[in-house]
């Protein structure tokens, strides 16, 4: 969703504010400055409200940060858990591609949250890292289960480390969403949307050749990422 621009009004501040408006403002400020350097006053200014109104909904900056993750990741978890159901007998390659499409669907239009999470992970603030890990743990567990099923079915190499395989699949896709739409269009004459699709398919082809038990087996037809 588009982030609100900072309020320039010198008139009276609103006496009520929607929690989602506060979260959008907090996400923008966290992405720009990091949580440590962000202030509730800056968040309130971005939301166009009095700082005191923030405390009506949230106890602290950390509570805002957690609420941002709570707003985004449970829906991703539900879709990944459904995808990782062992009753799903579709080819493992197609199911791993669907993992990328889930992340693409929910995060491609929101560079703010990607930047916010990446920044806090890199800084390594212990409390915040634990909050992020707790959000990612069940999603990671579901993808690891899917990879384990692929190994058991003879689609994937038996020596694969499932956790690291999960990490490389998702981490590289986040890089694709951040970098390729800006870099590939001038290099290849592509639109940003075409650059995203081209980059995703190229990365997945390379990824699959590294994890497949038999890399010579062609990939199944892969749905358009944006479909």
C-alpha atoms as a PDB file:
ATOM      1  CA  UNK A   1       0.000   0.000   0.000  1.00  0.00           C
ATOM      2  CA  UNK A   2       1.298   3.534  -0.721  1.00  0.00           C
ATOM      3  CA  UNK A   3       2.962   5.278   2.197  1.00  0.00           C
ATOM      4  CA  UNK A   4       1.579   8.645   3.310  1.00  0.00           C
ATOM      5  CA  UNK A   5       3.715  11.702   2.723  1.00  0.00           C
ATOM      6  CA  UNK A   6       4.687  13.850   5.691  1.00  0.00           C
ATOM      7  CA  UNK A   7       2.015  16.309   6.706  1.00  0.00           C
ATOM      8  CA  UNK A   8       2.826  19.929   5.948  1.00  0.00           C
ATOM      9  CA  UNK A   9      -0.273  21.348   7.579  1.00  0.00           C
ATOM     10  CA  UNK A  10       0.134  23.939  10.314  1.00  0.00           C
ATOM     11  CA  UNK A  11      -3.466  23.528  11.401  1.00  0.00           C
ATOM     12  CA  UNK A  12      -4.725  21.559  14.390  1.00  0.00           C
ATOM     13  CA  UNK A  13      -3.655  17.919  14.627  1.00  0.00           C
ATOM     14  CA  UNK A  14      -6.410  15.286  14.421  1.00  0.00           C
ATOM     15  CA  UNK A  15      -7.717  13.963  17.705  1.00  0.00           C
ATOM     16  CA  UNK A  16      -8.075  10.432  16.283  1.00  0.00           C
ATOM     17  CA  UNK A  17      -5.859   8.408  14.002  1.00  0.00           C
ATOM     18  CA  UNK A  18      -6.277   5.004  12.371  1.00  0.00           C
ATOM     19  CA  UNK A  19      -3.766   2.356  13.578  1.00  0.00           C
ATOM     20  CA  UNK A  20      -2.943   1.395   9.979  1.00  0.00           C
ATOM     21  CA  UNK A  21      -2.074   5.026   9.271  1.00  0.00           C
ATOM     22  CA  UNK A  22       0.368   4.939  12.183  1.00  0.00           C
ATOM     23  CA  UNK A  23       1.848   1.659  10.957  1.00  0.00           C
ATOM     24  CA  UNK A  24       2.340   3.023   7.444  1.00  0.00           C
ATOM     25  CA  UNK A  25       4.084   6.067   8.888  1.00  0.00           C
ATOM     26  CA  UNK A  26       6.232   3.967  11.222  1.00  0.00           C
ATOM     27  CA  UNK A  27       7.267   1.675   8.389  1.00  0.00           C
ATOM     28  CA  UNK A  28       8.394   4.641   6.291  1.00  0.00           C
ATOM     29  CA  UNK A  29      10.388   6.159   9.152  1.00  0.00           C
ATOM     30  CA  UNK A  30      11.944   2.825  10.180  1.00  0.00           C
ATOM     31  CA  UNK A  31      12.958   2.110   6.572  1.00  0.00           C
ATOM     32  CA  UNK A  32      14.620   5.520   6.260  1.00  0.00           C
ATOM     33  CA  UNK A  33      16.282   5.832   9.668  1.00  0.00           C
ATOM     34  CA  UNK A  34      16.244   2.428  11.356  1.00  0.00           C
ATOM     35  CA  UNK A  35      14.309   1.766  14.503  1.00  0.00           C
ATOM     36  CA  UNK A  36      17.063   2.991  16.815  1.00  0.00           C
ATOM     37  CA  UNK A  37      17.252   6.436  15.218  1.00  0.00           C
ATOM     38  CA  UNK A  38      13.517   6.779  14.631  1.00  0.00           C
ATOM     39  CA  UNK A  39      11.451   8.831  17.041  1.00  0.00           C
ATOM     40  CA  UNK A  40       7.775   8.739  17.865  1.00  0.00           C
ATOM     41  CA  UNK A  41       7.685  12.425  17.032  1.00  0.00           C
ATOM     42  CA  UNK A  42       8.941  11.698  13.504  1.00  0.00           C
ATOM     43  CA  UNK A  43       6.348   8.932  13.121  1.00  0.00           C
ATOM     44  CA  UNK A  44       3.586  11.245  14.335  1.00  0.00           C
ATOM     45  CA  UNK A  45       4.748  13.961  11.925  1.00  0.00           C
ATOM     46  CA  UNK A  46       4.631  11.460   9.047  1.00  0.00           C
ATOM     47  CA  UNK A  47       1.134  10.356  10.121  1.00  0.00           C
ATOM     48  CA  UNK A  48      -0.011  13.946  10.598  1.00  0.00           C
ATOM     49  CA  UNK A  49      -1.071  13.511  14.212  1.00  0.00           C
ATOM     50  CA  UNK A  50      -0.031  14.428  17.738  1.00  0.00           C
ATOM     51  CA  UNK A  51       2.659  12.089  19.192  1.00  0.00           C
ATOM     52  CA  UNK A  52       0.445  11.416  22.203  1.00  0.00           C
ATOM     53  CA  UNK A  53      -2.055   9.645  19.953  1.00  0.00           C
ATOM     54  CA  UNK A  54       0.488   6.931  19.181  1.00  0.00           C
ATOM     55  CA  UNK A  55       0.408   5.738  22.787  1.00  0.00           C
ATOM     56  CA  UNK A  56      -3.342   5.203  22.539  1.00  0.00           C
ATOM     57  CA  UNK A  57      -2.619   2.301  20.166  1.00  0.00           C
ATOM     58  CA  UNK A  58       1.010   1.264  20.772  1.00  0.00           C
ATOM     59  CA  UNK A  59       3.207   1.165  23.881  1.00  0.00           C
ATOM     60  CA  UNK A  60       6.532   1.797  22.127  1.00  0.00           C
ATOM     61  CA  UNK A  61       8.489   1.828  18.882  1.00  0.00           C
ATOM     62  CA  UNK A  62       9.130  -1.889  19.369  1.00  0.00           C
ATOM     63  CA  UNK A  63       5.380  -2.499  19.591  1.00  0.00           C
ATOM     64  CA  UNK A  64       4.926  -0.633  16.308  1.00  0.00           C
ATOM     65  CA  UNK A  65       7.658  -2.758  14.728  1.00  0.00           C
ATOM     66  CA  UNK A  66       6.054  -6.006  15.900  1.00  0.00           C
ATOM     67  CA  UNK A  67       2.627  -4.856  14.708  1.00  0.00           C
ATOM     68  CA  UNK A  68       4.091  -4.189  11.251  1.00  0.00           C
ATOM     69  CA  UNK A  69       5.321  -7.778  11.072  1.00  0.00           C
ATOM     70  CA  UNK A  70       2.029  -9.094  12.459  1.00  0.00           C
ATOM     71  CA  UNK A  71       0.207  -7.237   9.716  1.00  0.00           C
ATOM     72  CA  UNK A  72       2.208  -8.848   6.922  1.00  0.00           C
ATOM     73  CA  UNK A  73       3.605 -12.286   7.807  1.00  0.00           C
ATOM     74  CA  UNK A  74       0.642 -14.350   9.098  1.00  0.00           C
ATOM     75  CA  UNK A  75      -1.000 -14.319   5.668  1.00  0.00           C
ATOM     76  CA  UNK A  76       2.292 -15.426   4.066  1.00  0.00           C
ATOM     77  CA  UNK A  77       2.531 -18.203   6.648  1.00  0.00           C
ATOM     78  CA  UNK A  78      -0.980 -19.468   5.901  1.00  0.00           C
ATOM     79  CA  UNK A  79      -0.284 -19.668   2.174  1.00  0.00           C
ATOM     80  CA  UNK A  80       3.111 -21.359   2.606  1.00  0.00           C
ATOM     81  CA  UNK A  81       1.698 -23.897   5.082  1.00  0.00           C
ATOM     82  CA  UNK A  82      -1.060 -24.770   2.602  1.00  0.00           C
ATOM     83  CA  UNK A  83       1.563 -25.151  -0.125  1.00  0.00           C
ATOM     84  CA  UNK A  84       3.699 -27.419   2.100  1.00  0.00           C
ATOM     85  CA  UNK A  85       0.858 -29.877   2.747  1.00  0.00           C
ATOM     86  CA  UNK A  86       2.265 -33.359   2.061  1.00  0.00           C
ATOM     87  CA  UNK A  87      -0.952 -34.210   0.200  1.00  0.00           C
ATOM     88  CA  UNK A  88       0.120 -31.796  -2.562  1.00  0.00           C
ATOM     89  CA  UNK A  89       1.625 -34.127  -5.180  1.00  0.00           C
ATOM     90  CA  UNK A  90       2.592 -31.498  -7.718  1.00  0.00           C
ATOM     91  CA  UNK A  91       6.242 -31.491  -8.868  1.00  0.00           C
ATOM     92  CA  UNK A  92       8.638 -30.156  -6.237  1.00  0.00           C
ATOM     93  CA  UNK A  93       9.995 -27.604  -8.712  1.00  0.00           C
ATOM     94  CA  UNK A  94       6.546 -26.128  -9.199  1.00  0.00           C
ATOM     95  CA  UNK A  95       5.903 -25.974  -5.441  1.00  0.00           C
ATOM     96  CA  UNK A  96       9.226 -24.199  -4.791  1.00  0.00           C
ATOM     97  CA  UNK A  97       8.368 -21.753  -7.567  1.00  0.00           C
ATOM     98  CA  UNK A  98       5.054 -21.151  -5.804  1.00  0.00           C
ATOM     99  CA  UNK A  99       6.990 -20.186  -2.651  1.00  0.00           C
ATOM    100  CA  UNK A 100       8.656 -17.424  -4.647  1.00  0.00           C
ATOM    101  CA  UNK A 101       5.312 -16.335  -6.066  1.00  0.00           C
ATOM    102  CA  UNK A 102       3.833 -16.053  -2.563  1.00  0.00           C
ATOM    103  CA  UNK A 103       6.647 -13.759  -1.445  1.00  0.00           C
ATOM    104  CA  UNK A 104       6.383 -11.860  -4.722  1.00  0.00           C
ATOM    105  CA  UNK A 105       2.646 -11.360  -4.319  1.00  0.00           C
ATOM    106  CA  UNK A 106       2.869 -10.025  -0.772  1.00  0.00           C
ATOM    107  CA  UNK A 107       6.146  -8.058  -0.800  1.00  0.00           C
ATOM    108  CA  UNK A 108       6.891  -6.870  -4.350  1.00  0.00           C
ATOM    109  CA  UNK A 109       5.019  -3.584  -3.932  1.00  0.00           C
ATOM    110  CA  UNK A 110       6.342  -2.869  -0.454  1.00  0.00           C
ATOM    111  CA  UNK A 111      10.061  -2.023  -0.530  1.00  0.00           C
ATOM    112  CA  UNK A 112       9.608  -0.238   2.797  1.00  0.00           C
ATOM    113  CA  UNK A 113       9.040  -3.377   4.817  1.00  0.00           C
ATOM    114  CA  UNK A 114      11.833  -5.230   3.002  1.00  0.00           C
ATOM    115  CA  UNK A 115      14.229  -2.379   3.765  1.00  0.00           C
ATOM    116  CA  UNK A 116      13.032  -2.123   7.360  1.00  0.00           C
ATOM    117  CA  UNK A 117      13.518  -5.827   8.107  1.00  0.00           C
ATOM    118  CA  UNK A 118      16.853  -6.087   6.302  1.00  0.00           C
ATOM    119  CA  UNK A 119      18.195  -3.033   8.122  1.00  0.00           C
ATOM    120  CA  UNK A 120      17.307  -4.331  11.563  1.00  0.00           C
ATOM    121  CA  UNK A 121      18.680  -7.823  10.840  1.00  0.00           C
ATOM    122  CA  UNK A 122      21.995  -6.373   9.629  1.00  0.00           C
ATOM    123  CA  UNK A 123      22.269  -4.147  12.695  1.00  0.00           C
ATOM    124  CA  UNK A 124      21.713  -7.203  14.871  1.00  0.00           C
ATOM    125  CA  UNK A 125      19.740  -5.584  17.681  1.00  0.00           C
ATOM    126  CA  UNK A 126      19.070  -8.650  19.819  1.00  0.00           C
ATOM    127  CA  UNK A 127      15.483  -7.939  20.811  1.00  0.00           C
ATOM    128  CA  UNK A 128      14.399  -6.944  17.327  1.00  0.00           C
ATOM    129  CA  UNK A 129      16.212  -9.846  15.695  1.00  0.00           C
ATOM    130  CA  UNK A 130      14.324 -12.226  17.967  1.00  0.00           C
ATOM    131  CA  UNK A 131      11.015 -10.587  16.993  1.00  0.00           C
ATOM    132  CA  UNK A 132      11.867 -11.070  13.310  1.00  0.00           C
ATOM    133  CA  UNK A 133      13.050 -14.655  13.830  1.00  0.00           C
ATOM    134  CA  UNK A 134       9.835 -15.567  15.638  1.00  0.00           C
ATOM    135  CA  UNK A 135       7.858 -14.317  12.643  1.00  0.00           C
ATOM    136  CA  UNK A 136      10.033 -16.140  10.122  1.00  0.00           C
ATOM    137  CA  UNK A 137      10.500 -19.401  12.036  1.00  0.00           C
ATOM    138  CA  UNK A 138       7.122 -21.025  11.165  1.00  0.00           C
ATOM    139  CA  UNK A 139       7.395 -19.929   7.520  1.00  0.00           C
ATOM    140  CA  UNK A 140      10.908 -21.361   7.336  1.00  0.00           C
ATOM    141  CA  UNK A 141       9.724 -24.581   8.985  1.00  0.00           C
ATOM    142  CA  UNK A 142       6.988 -24.990   6.346  1.00  0.00           C
ATOM    143  CA  UNK A 143       9.430 -24.437   3.449  1.00  0.00           C
ATOM    144  CA  UNK A 144      11.917 -26.863   5.040  1.00  0.00           C
ATOM    145  CA  UNK A 145       9.106 -29.423   5.199  1.00  0.00           C
ATOM    146  CA  UNK A 146       8.420 -28.921   1.506  1.00  0.00           C
ATOM    147  CA  UNK A 147      12.118 -29.419   0.718  1.00  0.00           C
ATOM    148  CA  UNK A 148      12.198 -32.552   2.883  1.00  0.00           C
ATOM    149  CA  UNK A 149       9.253 -33.914   0.913  1.00  0.00           C
ATOM    150  CA  UNK A 150      11.157 -33.212  -2.313  1.00  0.00           C
ATOM    151  CA  UNK A 151      14.143 -35.171  -1.034  1.00  0.00           C
ATOM    152  CA  UNK A 152      11.916 -38.072   0.039  1.00  0.00           C
ATOM    153  CA  UNK A 153      10.226 -38.132  -3.373  1.00  0.00           C
ATOM    154  CA  UNK A 154      13.553 -38.275  -5.192  1.00  0.00           C
ATOM    155  CA  UNK A 155      13.241 -34.826  -6.779  1.00  0.00           C
ATOM    156  CA  UNK A 156      16.002 -33.121  -4.745  1.00  0.00           C
ATOM    157  CA  UNK A 157      19.538 -34.080  -3.808  1.00  0.00           C
ATOM    158  CA  UNK A 158      19.622 -36.064  -0.544  1.00  0.00           C
ATOM    159  CA  UNK A 159      22.658 -34.122   0.717  1.00  0.00           C
ATOM    160  CA  UNK A 160      20.857 -30.770   0.703  1.00  0.00           C
ATOM    161  CA  UNK A 161      20.792 -28.841   4.008  1.00  0.00           C
ATOM    162  CA  UNK A 162      17.065 -27.883   4.097  1.00  0.00           C
ATOM    163  CA  UNK A 163      17.496 -24.767   6.236  1.00  0.00           C
ATOM    164  CA  UNK A 164      20.255 -23.237   4.092  1.00  0.00           C
ATOM    165  CA  UNK A 165      18.402 -24.220   0.933  1.00  0.00           C
ATOM    166  CA  UNK A 166      15.368 -22.346   2.243  1.00  0.00           C
ATOM    167  CA  UNK A 167      17.503 -19.325   3.115  1.00  0.00           C
ATOM    168  CA  UNK A 168      19.121 -19.082  -0.329  1.00  0.00           C
ATOM    169  CA  UNK A 169      15.814 -19.477  -2.156  1.00  0.00           C
ATOM    170  CA  UNK A 170      14.093 -16.663  -0.255  1.00  0.00           C
ATOM    171  CA  UNK A 171      17.040 -14.332   0.331  1.00  0.00           C
ATOM    172  CA  UNK A 172      17.970 -14.193  -3.326  1.00  0.00           C
ATOM    173  CA  UNK A 173      14.377 -13.564  -4.313  1.00  0.00           C
ATOM    174  CA  UNK A 174      14.256 -10.539  -1.996  1.00  0.00           C
ATOM    175  CA  UNK A 175      17.390  -9.231  -3.715  1.00  0.00           C
ATOM    176  CA  UNK A 176      15.689  -9.728  -7.087  1.00  0.00           C
ATOM    177  CA  UNK A 177      12.716  -7.635  -5.963  1.00  0.00           C
ATOM    178  CA  UNK A 178      15.001  -4.846  -4.750  1.00  0.00           C
ATOM    179  CA  UNK A 179      17.615  -4.692  -7.507  1.00  0.00           C
ATOM    180  CA  UNK A 180      16.532  -6.116 -10.848  1.00  0.00           C
ATOM    181  CA  UNK A 181      13.608  -3.769 -11.650  1.00  0.00           C
ATOM    182  CA  UNK A 182      16.050  -0.870 -11.352  1.00  0.00           C
ATOM    183  CA  UNK A 183      19.090  -2.433 -13.062  1.00  0.00           C
ATOM    184  CA  UNK A 184      17.786  -4.637 -15.882  1.00  0.00           C
ATOM    185  CA  UNK A 185      15.523  -2.141 -17.734  1.00  0.00           C
ATOM    186  CA  UNK A 186      18.376   0.132 -18.904  1.00  0.00           C
ATOM    187  CA  UNK A 187      20.669  -2.850 -19.542  1.00  0.00           C
ATOM    188  CA  UNK A 188      18.228  -5.013 -21.486  1.00  0.00           C
ATOM    189  CA  UNK A 189      15.531  -2.584 -22.609  1.00  0.00           C
ATOM    190  CA  UNK A 190      12.903  -4.264 -20.426  1.00  0.00           C
ATOM    191  CA  UNK A 191      10.044  -2.797 -18.452  1.00  0.00           C
ATOM    192  CA  UNK A 192      10.383  -3.163 -14.653  1.00  0.00           C
ATOM    193  CA  UNK A 193       7.664  -5.843 -14.655  1.00  0.00           C
ATOM    194  CA  UNK A 194       9.389  -7.807 -17.423  1.00  0.00           C
ATOM    195  CA  UNK A 195      12.721  -7.419 -15.630  1.00  0.00           C
ATOM    196  CA  UNK A 196      11.194  -8.914 -12.483  1.00  0.00           C
ATOM    197  CA  UNK A 197       9.781 -11.900 -14.352  1.00  0.00           C
ATOM    198  CA  UNK A 198      13.000 -12.459 -16.324  1.00  0.00           C
ATOM    199  CA  UNK A 199      15.116 -12.225 -13.178  1.00  0.00           C
ATOM    200  CA  UNK A 200      12.899 -14.564 -11.163  1.00  0.00           C
ATOM    201  CA  UNK A 201      12.874 -17.232 -13.860  1.00  0.00           C
ATOM    202  CA  UNK A 202      16.628 -17.012 -14.472  1.00  0.00           C
ATOM    203  CA  UNK A 203      17.394 -17.237 -10.761  1.00  0.00           C
ATOM    204  CA  UNK A 204      15.012 -20.162 -10.250  1.00  0.00           C
ATOM    205  CA  UNK A 205      16.530 -22.054 -13.179  1.00  0.00           C
ATOM    206  CA  UNK A 206      19.997 -21.666 -11.636  1.00  0.00           C
ATOM    207  CA  UNK A 207      18.691 -22.567  -8.186  1.00  0.00           C
ATOM    208  CA  UNK A 208      16.908 -25.662  -9.469  1.00  0.00           C
ATOM    209  CA  UNK A 209      19.990 -26.932 -11.317  1.00  0.00           C
ATOM    210  CA  UNK A 210      21.855 -26.790  -8.011  1.00  0.00           C
ATOM    211  CA  UNK A 211      19.276 -28.595  -5.868  1.00  0.00           C
ATOM    212  CA  UNK A 212      17.671 -31.100  -8.282  1.00  0.00           C
ATOM    213  CA  UNK A 213      18.671 -34.743  -8.085  1.00  0.00           C
ATOM    214  CA  UNK A 214      18.698 -34.774 -11.895  1.00  0.00           C
ATOM    215  CA  UNK A 215      19.312 -31.236 -13.233  1.00  0.00           C
ATOM    216  CA  UNK A 216      18.831 -32.437 -16.811  1.00  0.00           C
ATOM    217  CA  UNK A 217      15.088 -32.957 -16.243  1.00  0.00           C
ATOM    218  CA  UNK A 218      13.317 -29.893 -17.711  1.00  0.00           C
ATOM    219  CA  UNK A 219      11.381 -27.648 -15.382  1.00  0.00           C
ATOM    220  CA  UNK A 220       7.590 -27.921 -15.572  1.00  0.00           C
ATOM    221  CA  UNK A 221       5.672 -24.924 -16.967  1.00  0.00           C
ATOM    222  CA  UNK A 222       5.956 -22.141 -14.378  1.00  0.00           C
ATOM    223  CA  UNK A 223       3.052 -19.689 -13.920  1.00  0.00           C
ATOM    224  CA  UNK A 224       3.699 -15.996 -14.413  1.00  0.00           C
ATOM    225  CA  UNK A 225       4.900 -14.500 -11.099  1.00  0.00           C
ATOM    226  CA  UNK A 226       2.337 -11.718 -11.245  1.00  0.00           C
ATOM    227  CA  UNK A 227      -0.639 -13.933 -12.193  1.00  0.00           C
END
